[in-house]
């Protein structure tokens, strides 16, 4: 489509596609003339099977991924940006980076209950049960009425 807004919106529609199809469909958008379209394609390709990406597009993916990173760096003083970094790190299975990003989000805004939840879940998944217990206690201290955090504490049995 001639309209970059249509092309950018089409990227999101690929989330429901099979990973192989999505990768091939988004490859051409890594070469788009509009930066926001290239960034959207790079974001959607995080965690995708890029080994199926045609060789000529791997350089474009690196460039678009770098543009995505640069766009994030410009907004690192917002906790929501760290949520994005954390989610991106989870997609690429970089647990330590995800935990660090979510911790930074709660440092900037202790009311970020979803970020607290992710930190606790990551710590629990990494076998750091005692750290998870301490984290949930701190989260509940700062958010005592949070049903999300209370349920998480119960579901992971971190209250004993």
Foldseek 3Di string as FASTA:
>chain_A
DPDVVVLLVVLVVCLPPDLLVSLAVLLVQLPDPDLSSVLSSLLSCQLGPCVSPPPVSPVSSVVSVVSNVVVLVVPVLALVSLCVQLVSCVSNPVLVSNLVSLVSSCVSPVQPVVSLLSNLVSCVVVVNLVVSLVSLVVSCVVVVPDPSSVVSCVVSVSPD
